[in-house]
Amino acid sequence: MILARDKILEAVRDGDIIIEPFDEALVGPASVDLHLAGEIRVMKRDPAPLDVVDEVDYLDHTERQLLDAPYALEPGNTIHGITLEKITLAPGICAWLEGRSRFARLGLMVHVTSGFVAPGVSNRQVLEISNVSARTLNIHAGTRLCQIVFQRTDGQAVYAGRFSKQDGL
């Protein structure tokens, strides 16, 4: 079941959802807006094909950059961003990252894939950001670039995988 505003606020008060920093003004009817932090990860320029296999590590093919000035995201390119907010979920709550329609209408896809946030996480969320428009889009740190939608699980679980403690790119 998707949590509406009143249930999100209740879960925050109860400690089942922790958002750091938290601003109640960012809670919408059934989601919370999240900001893009001041760092991104971009693909290294390499004309060689990249094999998409289980063993591939994105760290070997990308480089971290500070987002202290707008980043010109060219058409057809994808970068990683990370949320300013750290999200901590109880074992009975999971979430979904979604882009905001105001930016999708410009051709910016924010959270292209892997939008699921597992129960029990406590980390900042990595965003896969793609430009599918015909124009260069300038990406700014501090923008409310995405939203998170919470739902209760049937049962409880805690994610302990590779990205469970992710606090940076």
Foldseek 3Di string as FASTA:
>chain_A
DWDFLVRVVVCCVVVQKPKVPDDSVQHDGFWGFWFWAFKKKFFDDDPDDDDDDPPDDVVVGIDMDTQPDWDWAAAPGKMKTWTPIWIFHAQFKKKFKAWDVVVVVQQKGWAPDPRIGHHGATEIDMIIIHRNDNGTDTHHGGDSGIIMIMDTHPDGDHDDDDCRHYHDD
